[in-house]
């Protein structure tokens, strides 16, 4: 199947901001993207199958993404995969990606993008060399707020920072790099 469309089903508005900024850097010509944000993980999970089943454009693939938060990553992914399977969309035409632990881990993995977005960063002694494993931080949004002197705001910050993020594998967030490689896999 030649992919003509990729649809992103996302937990929240800040994820949509990220996707809408990075996806044009990834997609080949001729592939359109559509992104839909929901009002949190419960709303997302309740609507995955319906949204996928109701999509009428042919040659479409889907990517579902939500934050891990404090839940078990494997359990979250298994649950989301089951919701996708309930849609009756063929396996291989959808993919699930989890932001470990939360979207802000992606931003901590690319501090150059945070700086380029205009944030002044003050790193603590603990993280003076940056965040080598941002996915391990259970409180990435708090940490991002702290290092920006409380200047970071979730919706505006996701829009600003995402514009400067690299999709070349240099991000220190493994889950961000898995998202990018997953998009490439789906449309490739």
Foldseek 3Di string as FASTA:
>chain_A
DQAQEEEEEEAALLVVLLCVQCVVVQDDPRHYYHYDYAPGDVRSLVCQLVVLLPDDDPRYAYEYEYAQQPHDPVVVQVSSVVSNVSNVDDPLRYYYAYQQHHPLLQCQLCVVLLVVLPAQFDDDPVQPVGDLESSPDSPSVVVVCVRRVNPDDRNVSSNSSSNRDDQPPSGSYPSSVVVSVVVNSNND
